[in-house]
């Protein structure tokens, strides 16, 4: 009964996470109007860290204690999420639309299945492989159509970085399933958030010192639009979503957690069209359908295979 309650809470948390992430793409696009990618990452995780510290102050249950001997798994996890994931995503969103980034991000479960088969030795059926190829084909089709306009197009560059962020997410799901069995979800969130805050701020400050623009480091905060955007990205889309994901991974398999990312693209596409006036082309719809059908096929077949074994 206790396990069932935990699973219900985990699924509810993942649903909330999906909505937050779906809107995060347009918030990144808005924030990039006022600052550079590296400054955005630094301020985003500074806000997340501040939110984290306030959480612990009000919680009053003591600060996390992480054994130095077990710090390597947390560093490895933090490298892929949030460091590489958000770096690649933010860079990619400078060149592509929030809608397209959302569609490409939907391939996370596919990459998770592929990586799980390589590193966790999970076997896939013939039809699962077919659906994986269909989903990957949808991504290739979108990128191909984007590249038709001009060689080395900006959008194609953006798509490439978005896909790198998706691969980072998939690696995080595979690694996270094991790490979350060793650490408390809140401790993992604390470590990842603070690590990202330190790394991104060091990079940003160094870049400003080299260019002699340190006085402009906090200039974006003079704009009210940037202020509420960074609060959303930092407190909700970084701190809260990390906690909800880490909590879910303690009771739900990584492949099932990754499925929830399938709903974020839908939110990202419509929010991009509504709030950023982005255009959705026919090839986006065709490629998006290929991606989603492939994902649904892989996971439905996986569920059937588990039921047969039971």
C-alpha atoms as a PDB file:
ATOM      1  CA  UNK A   1       0.000   0.000   0.000  1.00  0.00           C
ATOM      2  CA  UNK A   2       2.869   2.330   0.881  1.00  0.00           C
ATOM      3  CA  UNK A   3       4.555   1.492  -2.426  1.00  0.00           C
ATOM      4  CA  UNK A   4       1.343   2.278  -4.326  1.00  0.00           C
ATOM      5  CA  UNK A   5       1.076   5.702  -2.679  1.00  0.00           C
ATOM      6  CA  UNK A   6       4.673   6.455  -3.623  1.00  0.00           C
ATOM      7  CA  UNK A   7       3.984   5.505  -7.244  1.00  0.00           C
ATOM      8  CA  UNK A   8       0.870   7.718  -7.375  1.00  0.00           C
ATOM      9  CA  UNK A   9       2.882  10.620  -5.953  1.00  0.00           C
ATOM     10  CA  UNK A  10       5.672   9.934  -8.450  1.00  0.00           C
ATOM     11  CA  UNK A  11       3.307   9.951 -11.436  1.00  0.00           C
ATOM     12  CA  UNK A  12       1.621  13.134 -10.198  1.00  0.00           C
ATOM     13  CA  UNK A  13       5.034  14.758  -9.839  1.00  0.00           C
ATOM     14  CA  UNK A  14       6.065  13.651 -13.323  1.00  0.00           C
ATOM     15  CA  UNK A  15       2.868  15.136 -14.758  1.00  0.00           C
ATOM     16  CA  UNK A  16       3.669  18.489 -13.149  1.00  0.00           C
ATOM     17  CA  UNK A  17       7.259  18.199 -14.374  1.00  0.00           C
ATOM     18  CA  UNK A  18       6.025  17.611 -17.924  1.00  0.00           C
ATOM     19  CA  UNK A  19       3.960  20.806 -17.919  1.00  0.00           C
ATOM     20  CA  UNK A  20       6.811  22.879 -16.474  1.00  0.00           C
ATOM     21  CA  UNK A  21       9.347  21.551 -18.995  1.00  0.00           C
ATOM     22  CA  UNK A  22       6.910  22.046 -21.863  1.00  0.00           C
ATOM     23  CA  UNK A  23       6.732  25.776 -21.141  1.00  0.00           C
ATOM     24  CA  UNK A  24      10.443  26.078 -20.318  1.00  0.00           C
ATOM     25  CA  UNK A  25      11.405  26.173 -24.005  1.00  0.00           C
ATOM     26  CA  UNK A  26       9.608  29.469 -24.587  1.00  0.00           C
ATOM     27  CA  UNK A  27      10.976  30.892 -21.333  1.00  0.00           C
ATOM     28  CA  UNK A  28      14.520  30.161 -22.533  1.00  0.00           C
ATOM     29  CA  UNK A  29      13.756  31.864 -25.857  1.00  0.00           C
ATOM     30  CA  UNK A  30      12.429  34.929 -24.014  1.00  0.00           C
ATOM     31  CA  UNK A  31      15.403  35.056 -21.628  1.00  0.00           C
ATOM     32  CA  UNK A  32      17.867  34.868 -24.533  1.00  0.00           C
ATOM     33  CA  UNK A  33      16.488  38.193 -25.776  1.00  0.00           C
ATOM     34  CA  UNK A  34      18.176  39.868 -22.811  1.00  0.00           C
ATOM     35  CA  UNK A  35      21.395  37.949 -22.143  1.00  0.00           C
ATOM     36  CA  UNK A  36      23.894  35.454 -23.545  1.00  0.00           C
ATOM     37  CA  UNK A  37      23.546  31.691 -23.276  1.00  0.00           C
ATOM     38  CA  UNK A  38      26.240  31.262 -20.625  1.00  0.00           C
ATOM     39  CA  UNK A  39      24.940  34.152 -18.505  1.00  0.00           C
ATOM     40  CA  UNK A  40      21.449  32.672 -18.711  1.00  0.00           C
ATOM     41  CA  UNK A  41      22.730  29.309 -17.470  1.00  0.00           C
ATOM     42  CA  UNK A  42      24.633  30.977 -14.616  1.00  0.00           C
ATOM     43  CA  UNK A  43      21.657  33.080 -13.498  1.00  0.00           C
ATOM     44  CA  UNK A  44      19.258  30.162 -13.961  1.00  0.00           C
ATOM     45  CA  UNK A  45      21.142  27.928 -11.541  1.00  0.00           C
ATOM     46  CA  UNK A  46      21.871  30.772  -9.156  1.00  0.00           C
ATOM     47  CA  UNK A  47      18.088  31.220  -8.872  1.00  0.00           C
ATOM     48  CA  UNK A  48      17.683  27.454  -8.499  1.00  0.00           C
ATOM     49  CA  UNK A  49      20.289  27.357  -5.722  1.00  0.00           C
ATOM     50  CA  UNK A  50      18.650  30.267  -3.886  1.00  0.00           C
ATOM     51  CA  UNK A  51      15.306  28.455  -4.111  1.00  0.00           C
ATOM     52  CA  UNK A  52      16.973  25.298  -2.837  1.00  0.00           C
ATOM     53  CA  UNK A  53      18.463  27.064   0.183  1.00  0.00           C
ATOM     54  CA  UNK A  54      15.108  28.620   1.071  1.00  0.00           C
ATOM     55  CA  UNK A  55      13.555  25.145   0.835  1.00  0.00           C
ATOM     56  CA  UNK A  56      16.033  23.788   3.367  1.00  0.00           C
ATOM     57  CA  UNK A  57      15.613  26.790   5.666  1.00  0.00           C
ATOM     58  CA  UNK A  58      11.839  26.350   5.836  1.00  0.00           C
ATOM     59  CA  UNK A  59      12.101  22.566   5.944  1.00  0.00           C
ATOM     60  CA  UNK A  60      14.361  22.647   9.013  1.00  0.00           C
ATOM     61  CA  UNK A  61      15.399  18.992   8.727  1.00  0.00           C
ATOM     62  CA  UNK A  62      19.113  19.484   8.319  1.00  0.00           C
ATOM     63  CA  UNK A  63      21.344  19.945   5.307  1.00  0.00           C
ATOM     64  CA  UNK A  64      22.374  17.032   3.070  1.00  0.00           C
ATOM     65  CA  UNK A  65      25.451  15.052   4.039  1.00  0.00           C
ATOM     66  CA  UNK A  66      27.234  13.437   1.095  1.00  0.00           C
ATOM     67  CA  UNK A  67      30.023  10.942   1.682  1.00  0.00           C
ATOM     68  CA  UNK A  68      33.195  11.911  -0.212  1.00  0.00           C
ATOM     69  CA  UNK A  69      33.805   8.277  -1.114  1.00  0.00           C
ATOM     70  CA  UNK A  70      30.513   8.167  -3.020  1.00  0.00           C
ATOM     71  CA  UNK A  71      30.817  11.538  -4.712  1.00  0.00           C
ATOM     72  CA  UNK A  72      31.930  10.217  -8.120  1.00  0.00           C
ATOM     73  CA  UNK A  73      28.493   8.819  -9.165  1.00  0.00           C
ATOM     74  CA  UNK A  74      26.924  12.204  -8.357  1.00  0.00           C
ATOM     75  CA  UNK A  75      29.573  14.036 -10.387  1.00  0.00           C
ATOM     76  CA  UNK A  76      28.982  11.704 -13.335  1.00  0.00           C
ATOM     77  CA  UNK A  77      25.228  12.257 -13.075  1.00  0.00           C
ATOM     78  CA  UNK A  78      25.659  16.035 -12.803  1.00  0.00           C
ATOM     79  CA  UNK A  79      27.869  16.094 -15.898  1.00  0.00           C
ATOM     80  CA  UNK A  80      25.009  14.886 -18.084  1.00  0.00           C
ATOM     81  CA  UNK A  81      22.219  16.540 -16.093  1.00  0.00           C
ATOM     82  CA  UNK A  82      22.148  19.437 -15.640  1.00  0.00           C
ATOM     83  CA  UNK A  83      25.528  20.553 -17.076  1.00  0.00           C
ATOM     84  CA  UNK A  84      25.525  19.091 -20.598  1.00  0.00           C
ATOM     85  CA  UNK A  85      21.753  18.884 -21.002  1.00  0.00           C
ATOM     86  CA  UNK A  86      21.022  22.539 -20.259  1.00  0.00           C
ATOM     87  CA  UNK A  87      24.170  23.788 -21.991  1.00  0.00           C
ATOM     88  CA  UNK A  88      23.294  22.056 -25.252  1.00  0.00           C
ATOM     89  CA  UNK A  89      19.606  22.958 -24.951  1.00  0.00           C
ATOM     90  CA  UNK A  90      20.283  26.659 -24.349  1.00  0.00           C
ATOM     91  CA  UNK A  91      22.775  26.851 -27.225  1.00  0.00           C
ATOM     92  CA  UNK A  92      20.356  25.009 -29.512  1.00  0.00           C
ATOM     93  CA  UNK A  93      17.467  27.349 -28.696  1.00  0.00           C
ATOM     94  CA  UNK A  94      19.517  30.276 -29.989  1.00  0.00           C
ATOM     95  CA  UNK A  95      19.221  28.831 -33.497  1.00  0.00           C
ATOM     96  CA  UNK A  96      15.965  26.864 -33.603  1.00  0.00           C
ATOM     97  CA  UNK A  97      12.370  27.394 -32.497  1.00  0.00           C
ATOM     98  CA  UNK A  98      10.840  26.304 -29.192  1.00  0.00           C
ATOM     99  CA  UNK A  99       8.320  24.180 -31.134  1.00  0.00           C
ATOM    100  CA  UNK A 100      10.982  22.278 -33.061  1.00  0.00           C
ATOM    101  CA  UNK A 101      13.143  21.833 -29.968  1.00  0.00           C
ATOM    102  CA  UNK A 102      10.122  20.320 -28.248  1.00  0.00           C
ATOM    103  CA  UNK A 103       9.547  17.829 -31.060  1.00  0.00           C
ATOM    104  CA  UNK A 104      13.195  16.736 -31.086  1.00  0.00           C
ATOM    105  CA  UNK A 105      13.226  16.429 -27.293  1.00  0.00           C
ATOM    106  CA  UNK A 106      10.474  13.828 -27.588  1.00  0.00           C
ATOM    107  CA  UNK A 107      13.095  11.332 -28.801  1.00  0.00           C
ATOM    108  CA  UNK A 108      14.533  10.968 -25.265  1.00  0.00           C
ATOM    109  CA  UNK A 109      12.763   7.598 -24.673  1.00  0.00           C
ATOM    110  CA  UNK A 110      14.205   6.253 -27.933  1.00  0.00           C
ATOM    111  CA  UNK A 111      17.753   7.135 -26.941  1.00  0.00           C
ATOM    112  CA  UNK A 112      17.042   5.717 -23.477  1.00  0.00           C
ATOM    113  CA  UNK A 113      16.017   2.370 -25.013  1.00  0.00           C
ATOM    114  CA  UNK A 114      19.142   2.320 -27.193  1.00  0.00           C
ATOM    115  CA  UNK A 115      21.506   3.171 -24.335  1.00  0.00           C
ATOM    116  CA  UNK A 116      19.782   0.725 -21.973  1.00  0.00           C
ATOM    117  CA  UNK A 117      20.314  -2.051 -24.517  1.00  0.00           C
ATOM    118  CA  UNK A 118      24.022  -1.161 -24.777  1.00  0.00           C
ATOM    119  CA  UNK A 119      24.921  -0.515 -21.149  1.00  0.00           C
ATOM    120  CA  UNK A 120      22.230  -2.416 -19.236  1.00  0.00           C
ATOM    121  CA  UNK A 121      22.019  -5.272 -21.766  1.00  0.00           C
ATOM    122  CA  UNK A 122      18.254  -4.884 -22.141  1.00  0.00           C
ATOM    123  CA  UNK A 123      17.071  -6.737 -25.239  1.00  0.00           C
ATOM    124  CA  UNK A 124      14.687  -5.265 -27.827  1.00  0.00           C
ATOM    125  CA  UNK A 125      12.323  -7.162 -30.119  1.00  0.00           C
ATOM    126  CA  UNK A 126      12.297  -6.853 -33.917  1.00  0.00           C
ATOM    127  CA  UNK A 127       9.258  -4.546 -33.878  1.00  0.00           C
ATOM    128  CA  UNK A 128      10.766  -2.373 -31.164  1.00  0.00           C
ATOM    129  CA  UNK A 129      13.780  -1.828 -33.405  1.00  0.00           C
ATOM    130  CA  UNK A 130      11.450  -0.938 -36.295  1.00  0.00           C
ATOM    131  CA  UNK A 131       9.671   1.669 -34.168  1.00  0.00           C
ATOM    132  CA  UNK A 132      13.009   3.053 -32.971  1.00  0.00           C
ATOM    133  CA  UNK A 133      14.075   3.491 -36.599  1.00  0.00           C
ATOM    134  CA  UNK A 134      10.732   5.147 -37.400  1.00  0.00           C
ATOM    135  CA  UNK A 135      11.189   7.672 -34.598  1.00  0.00           C
ATOM    136  CA  UNK A 136      14.792   8.403 -35.537  1.00  0.00           C
ATOM    137  CA  UNK A 137      13.640   8.719 -39.144  1.00  0.00           C
ATOM    138  CA  UNK A 138      11.211  11.455 -38.073  1.00  0.00           C
ATOM    139  CA  UNK A 139      14.062  13.440 -36.535  1.00  0.00           C
ATOM    140  CA  UNK A 140      16.278  12.951 -39.595  1.00  0.00           C
ATOM    141  CA  UNK A 141      13.399  14.064 -41.828  1.00  0.00           C
ATOM    142  CA  UNK A 142      12.897  17.315 -39.883  1.00  0.00           C
ATOM    143  CA  UNK A 143      16.616  18.076 -39.902  1.00  0.00           C
ATOM    144  CA  UNK A 144      16.845  17.237 -43.612  1.00  0.00           C
ATOM    145  CA  UNK A 145      14.000  19.606 -44.461  1.00  0.00           C
ATOM    146  CA  UNK A 146      15.611  22.334 -42.371  1.00  0.00           C
ATOM    147  CA  UNK A 147      18.862  21.896 -44.253  1.00  0.00           C
ATOM    148  CA  UNK A 148      17.259  22.307 -47.676  1.00  0.00           C
ATOM    149  CA  UNK A 149      17.007  26.081 -47.435  1.00  0.00           C
ATOM    150  CA  UNK A 150      20.741  26.729 -47.222  1.00  0.00           C
ATOM    151  CA  UNK A 151      23.887  24.802 -46.462  1.00  0.00           C
ATOM    152  CA  UNK A 152      24.924  24.888 -42.810  1.00  0.00           C
ATOM    153  CA  UNK A 153      21.646  26.582 -41.865  1.00  0.00           C
ATOM    154  CA  UNK A 154      21.273  28.050 -38.376  1.00  0.00           C
ATOM    155  CA  UNK A 155      18.241  25.889 -37.655  1.00  0.00           C
ATOM    156  CA  UNK A 156      20.129  22.714 -38.518  1.00  0.00           C
ATOM    157  CA  UNK A 157      22.858  23.767 -36.073  1.00  0.00           C
ATOM    158  CA  UNK A 158      20.227  24.351 -33.405  1.00  0.00           C
ATOM    159  CA  UNK A 159      18.666  20.930 -34.029  1.00  0.00           C
ATOM    160  CA  UNK A 160      22.068  19.281 -33.617  1.00  0.00           C
ATOM    161  CA  UNK A 161      22.608  20.859 -30.186  1.00  0.00           C
ATOM    162  CA  UNK A 162      19.064  19.989 -29.110  1.00  0.00           C
ATOM    163  CA  UNK A 163      19.739  16.342 -30.018  1.00  0.00           C
ATOM    164  CA  UNK A 164      22.941  16.431 -27.967  1.00  0.00           C
ATOM    165  CA  UNK A 165      20.857  17.635 -25.011  1.00  0.00           C
ATOM    166  CA  UNK A 166      18.437  14.747 -25.595  1.00  0.00           C
ATOM    167  CA  UNK A 167      21.286  12.203 -25.574  1.00  0.00           C
ATOM    168  CA  UNK A 168      22.505  13.746 -22.309  1.00  0.00           C
ATOM    169  CA  UNK A 169      19.013  13.337 -20.872  1.00  0.00           C
ATOM    170  CA  UNK A 170      18.893   9.683 -21.918  1.00  0.00           C
ATOM    171  CA  UNK A 171      22.265   8.981 -20.292  1.00  0.00           C
ATOM    172  CA  UNK A 172      21.016  10.722 -17.156  1.00  0.00           C
ATOM    173  CA  UNK A 173      17.933   8.465 -17.048  1.00  0.00           C
ATOM    174  CA  UNK A 174      20.091   5.332 -17.371  1.00  0.00           C
ATOM    175  CA  UNK A 175      22.653   6.453 -14.774  1.00  0.00           C
ATOM    176  CA  UNK A 176      20.028   7.988 -12.508  1.00  0.00           C
ATOM    177  CA  UNK A 177      18.134   4.744 -12.025  1.00  0.00           C
ATOM    178  CA  UNK A 178      21.146   3.292 -10.189  1.00  0.00           C
ATOM    179  CA  UNK A 179      22.317   6.428  -8.404  1.00  0.00           C
ATOM    180  CA  UNK A 180      18.871   7.150  -6.954  1.00  0.00           C
ATOM    181  CA  UNK A 181      18.993   3.793  -5.185  1.00  0.00           C
ATOM    182  CA  UNK A 182      22.083   4.959  -3.270  1.00  0.00           C
ATOM    183  CA  UNK A 183      21.133   8.531  -2.356  1.00  0.00           C
ATOM    184  CA  UNK A 184      18.131  10.472  -1.127  1.00  0.00           C
ATOM    185  CA  UNK A 185      16.367  12.292  -4.010  1.00  0.00           C
ATOM    186  CA  UNK A 186      16.682  15.670  -2.303  1.00  0.00           C
ATOM    187  CA  UNK A 187      20.408  15.143  -1.666  1.00  0.00           C
ATOM    188  CA  UNK A 188      20.940  14.389  -5.352  1.00  0.00           C
ATOM    189  CA  UNK A 189      18.992  17.483  -6.337  1.00  0.00           C
ATOM    190  CA  UNK A 190      21.046  19.612  -3.934  1.00  0.00           C
ATOM    191  CA  UNK A 191      24.349  18.308  -5.273  1.00  0.00           C
ATOM    192  CA  UNK A 192      23.372  18.674  -8.951  1.00  0.00           C
ATOM    193  CA  UNK A 193      21.964  22.185  -8.527  1.00  0.00           C
ATOM    194  CA  UNK A 194      24.867  23.591  -6.519  1.00  0.00           C
ATOM    195  CA  UNK A 195      27.407  21.963  -8.856  1.00  0.00           C
ATOM    196  CA  UNK A 196      25.744  23.539 -11.898  1.00  0.00           C
ATOM    197  CA  UNK A 197      25.569  26.912 -10.143  1.00  0.00           C
ATOM    198  CA  UNK A 198      29.308  26.892  -9.381  1.00  0.00           C
ATOM    199  CA  UNK A 199      30.401  25.636 -12.817  1.00  0.00           C
ATOM    200  CA  UNK A 200      28.207  27.944 -14.913  1.00  0.00           C
ATOM    201  CA  UNK A 201      29.014  31.024 -12.809  1.00  0.00           C
ATOM    202  CA  UNK A 202      32.749  30.333 -13.030  1.00  0.00           C
ATOM    203  CA  UNK A 203      32.528  30.026 -16.819  1.00  0.00           C
ATOM    204  CA  UNK A 204      30.376  33.151 -17.143  1.00  0.00           C
ATOM    205  CA  UNK A 205      32.549  35.317 -14.869  1.00  0.00           C
ATOM    206  CA  UNK A 206      35.714  34.133 -16.635  1.00  0.00           C
ATOM    207  CA  UNK A 207      34.199  35.008 -20.009  1.00  0.00           C
ATOM    208  CA  UNK A 208      33.253  38.499 -18.775  1.00  0.00           C
ATOM    209  CA  UNK A 209      36.708  39.067 -17.275  1.00  0.00           C
ATOM    210  CA  UNK A 210      38.372  38.100 -20.551  1.00  0.00           C
ATOM    211  CA  UNK A 211      36.142  40.485 -22.522  1.00  0.00           C
ATOM    212  CA  UNK A 212      36.233  43.259 -19.907  1.00  0.00           C
ATOM    213  CA  UNK A 213      32.443  43.271 -19.498  1.00  0.00           C
ATOM    214  CA  UNK A 214      32.081  42.143 -15.874  1.00  0.00           C
ATOM    215  CA  UNK A 215      29.949  45.215 -15.127  1.00  0.00           C
ATOM    216  CA  UNK A 216      27.297  43.805 -17.491  1.00  0.00           C
ATOM    217  CA  UNK A 217      27.026  40.488 -15.661  1.00  0.00           C
ATOM    218  CA  UNK A 218      23.791  41.386 -13.869  1.00  0.00           C
ATOM    219  CA  UNK A 219      22.541  43.950 -16.422  1.00  0.00           C
ATOM    220  CA  UNK A 220      19.709  41.674 -17.614  1.00  0.00           C
ATOM    221  CA  UNK A 221      18.075  41.824 -14.167  1.00  0.00           C
ATOM    222  CA  UNK A 222      17.121  45.438 -14.835  1.00  0.00           C
ATOM    223  CA  UNK A 223      14.477  44.043 -17.179  1.00  0.00           C
ATOM    224  CA  UNK A 224      11.332  42.783 -15.438  1.00  0.00           C
ATOM    225  CA  UNK A 225      10.635  40.264 -18.235  1.00  0.00           C
ATOM    226  CA  UNK A 226      14.013  38.627 -17.653  1.00  0.00           C
ATOM    227  CA  UNK A 227      13.495  38.594 -13.886  1.00  0.00           C
ATOM    228  CA  UNK A 228      10.300  36.524 -13.843  1.00  0.00           C
ATOM    229  CA  UNK A 229      11.633  34.371 -16.679  1.00  0.00           C
ATOM    230  CA  UNK A 230      14.771  33.438 -14.742  1.00  0.00           C
ATOM    231  CA  UNK A 231      12.711  32.687 -11.635  1.00  0.00           C
ATOM    232  CA  UNK A 232      10.594  30.254 -13.655  1.00  0.00           C
ATOM    233  CA  UNK A 233      13.630  28.596 -15.241  1.00  0.00           C
ATOM    234  CA  UNK A 234      15.621  28.475 -12.020  1.00  0.00           C
ATOM    235  CA  UNK A 235      13.138  27.621  -9.285  1.00  0.00           C
ATOM    236  CA  UNK A 236      10.538  25.634 -11.239  1.00  0.00           C
ATOM    237  CA  UNK A 237      12.234  24.278 -14.366  1.00  0.00           C
ATOM    238  CA  UNK A 238      15.600  23.465 -12.737  1.00  0.00           C
ATOM    239  CA  UNK A 239      15.225  22.891  -8.996  1.00  0.00           C
ATOM    240  CA  UNK A 240      11.653  21.547  -8.825  1.00  0.00           C
ATOM    241  CA  UNK A 241      11.811  19.359 -11.963  1.00  0.00           C
ATOM    242  CA  UNK A 242      15.137  17.845 -10.820  1.00  0.00           C
ATOM    243  CA  UNK A 243      13.605  16.940  -7.477  1.00  0.00           C
ATOM    244  CA  UNK A 244      10.461  15.468  -9.069  1.00  0.00           C
ATOM    245  CA  UNK A 245      12.510  13.405 -11.555  1.00  0.00           C
ATOM    246  CA  UNK A 246      14.937  12.111  -8.929  1.00  0.00           C
ATOM    247  CA  UNK A 247      12.003  11.212  -6.659  1.00  0.00           C
ATOM    248  CA  UNK A 248      10.257   9.340  -9.471  1.00  0.00           C
ATOM    249  CA  UNK A 249      13.396   7.377 -10.365  1.00  0.00           C
ATOM    250  CA  UNK A 250      13.425   5.864  -6.858  1.00  0.00           C
ATOM    251  CA  UNK A 251      10.173   3.990  -7.523  1.00  0.00           C
ATOM    252  CA  UNK A 252       9.659   3.959 -11.310  1.00  0.00           C
ATOM    253  CA  UNK A 253      11.916   2.434 -14.026  1.00  0.00           C
ATOM    254  CA  UNK A 254      13.956   4.909 -16.084  1.00  0.00           C
ATOM    255  CA  UNK A 255      12.214   3.938 -19.335  1.00  0.00           C
ATOM    256  CA  UNK A 256       8.794   4.779 -17.851  1.00  0.00           C
ATOM    257  CA  UNK A 257      10.033   8.080 -16.431  1.00  0.00           C
ATOM    258  CA  UNK A 258      11.370   9.059 -19.855  1.00  0.00           C
ATOM    259  CA  UNK A 259       7.955   8.425 -21.443  1.00  0.00           C
ATOM    260  CA  UNK A 260       6.565  11.487 -19.644  1.00  0.00           C
ATOM    261  CA  UNK A 261       8.833  13.660 -21.801  1.00  0.00           C
ATOM    262  CA  UNK A 262       6.599  12.708 -24.738  1.00  0.00           C
ATOM    263  CA  UNK A 263       3.949  15.148 -23.516  1.00  0.00           C
ATOM    264  CA  UNK A 264       6.286  18.119 -23.107  1.00  0.00           C
ATOM    265  CA  UNK A 265       6.723  18.586 -26.888  1.00  0.00           C
ATOM    266  CA  UNK A 266       2.969  19.005 -27.326  1.00  0.00           C
ATOM    267  CA  UNK A 267       2.998  21.817 -24.775  1.00  0.00           C
ATOM    268  CA  UNK A 268       6.181  23.281 -26.291  1.00  0.00           C
ATOM    269  CA  UNK A 269       4.736  23.318 -29.816  1.00  0.00           C
ATOM    270  CA  UNK A 270       1.478  25.025 -28.891  1.00  0.00           C
ATOM    271  CA  UNK A 271       3.092  27.462 -26.447  1.00  0.00           C
ATOM    272  CA  UNK A 272       5.612  28.430 -29.131  1.00  0.00           C
ATOM    273  CA  UNK A 273       2.810  29.088 -31.605  1.00  0.00           C
ATOM    274  CA  UNK A 274       0.680  31.004 -29.093  1.00  0.00           C
ATOM    275  CA  UNK A 275       3.275  33.099 -27.274  1.00  0.00           C
ATOM    276  CA  UNK A 276       6.165  33.389 -29.752  1.00  0.00           C
ATOM    277  CA  UNK A 277       4.148  33.370 -32.997  1.00  0.00           C
ATOM    278  CA  UNK A 278       6.223  30.477 -34.340  1.00  0.00           C
ATOM    279  CA  UNK A 279       5.208  28.761 -37.564  1.00  0.00           C
ATOM    280  CA  UNK A 280       4.607  25.021 -37.650  1.00  0.00           C
ATOM    281  CA  UNK A 281       5.363  23.606 -41.099  1.00  0.00           C
ATOM    282  CA  UNK A 282       3.884  20.459 -42.642  1.00  0.00           C
ATOM    283  CA  UNK A 283       7.212  18.642 -42.309  1.00  0.00           C
ATOM    284  CA  UNK A 284       7.171  19.368 -38.559  1.00  0.00           C
ATOM    285  CA  UNK A 285       3.806  17.621 -38.291  1.00  0.00           C
ATOM    286  CA  UNK A 286       4.912  14.631 -40.416  1.00  0.00           C
ATOM    287  CA  UNK A 287       8.210  14.264 -38.561  1.00  0.00           C
ATOM    288  CA  UNK A 288       6.515  14.768 -35.190  1.00  0.00           C
ATOM    289  CA  UNK A 289       3.960  12.030 -35.930  1.00  0.00           C
ATOM    290  CA  UNK A 290       6.784   9.655 -36.929  1.00  0.00           C
ATOM    291  CA  UNK A 291       8.589  10.412 -33.662  1.00  0.00           C
ATOM    292  CA  UNK A 292       5.522   9.946 -31.453  1.00  0.00           C
ATOM    293  CA  UNK A 293       4.300   6.779 -33.220  1.00  0.00           C
ATOM    294  CA  UNK A 294       7.771   5.303 -32.856  1.00  0.00           C
ATOM    295  CA  UNK A 295       7.899   6.137 -29.148  1.00  0.00           C
ATOM    296  CA  UNK A 296       4.412   4.764 -28.467  1.00  0.00           C
ATOM    297  CA  UNK A 297       5.234   1.596 -30.416  1.00  0.00           C
ATOM    298  CA  UNK A 298       8.454   0.956 -28.500  1.00  0.00           C
ATOM    299  CA  UNK A 299       6.848   1.438 -25.100  1.00  0.00           C
ATOM    300  CA  UNK A 300       3.613  -0.466 -25.834  1.00  0.00           C
ATOM    301  CA  UNK A 301       5.634  -3.424 -27.070  1.00  0.00           C
ATOM    302  CA  UNK A 302       7.895  -3.196 -24.038  1.00  0.00           C
ATOM    303  CA  UNK A 303       4.847  -3.308 -21.757  1.00  0.00           C
ATOM    304  CA  UNK A 304       3.450  -6.321 -23.657  1.00  0.00           C
ATOM    305  CA  UNK A 305       6.779  -8.125 -23.346  1.00  0.00           C
ATOM    306  CA  UNK A 306       6.811  -7.552 -19.567  1.00  0.00           C
ATOM    307  CA  UNK A 307       3.228  -8.841 -19.234  1.00  0.00           C
ATOM    308  CA  UNK A 308       4.115 -11.991 -21.195  1.00  0.00           C
ATOM    309  CA  UNK A 309       7.040 -12.672 -18.870  1.00  0.00           C
ATOM    310  CA  UNK A 310       4.777 -12.226 -15.853  1.00  0.00           C
END
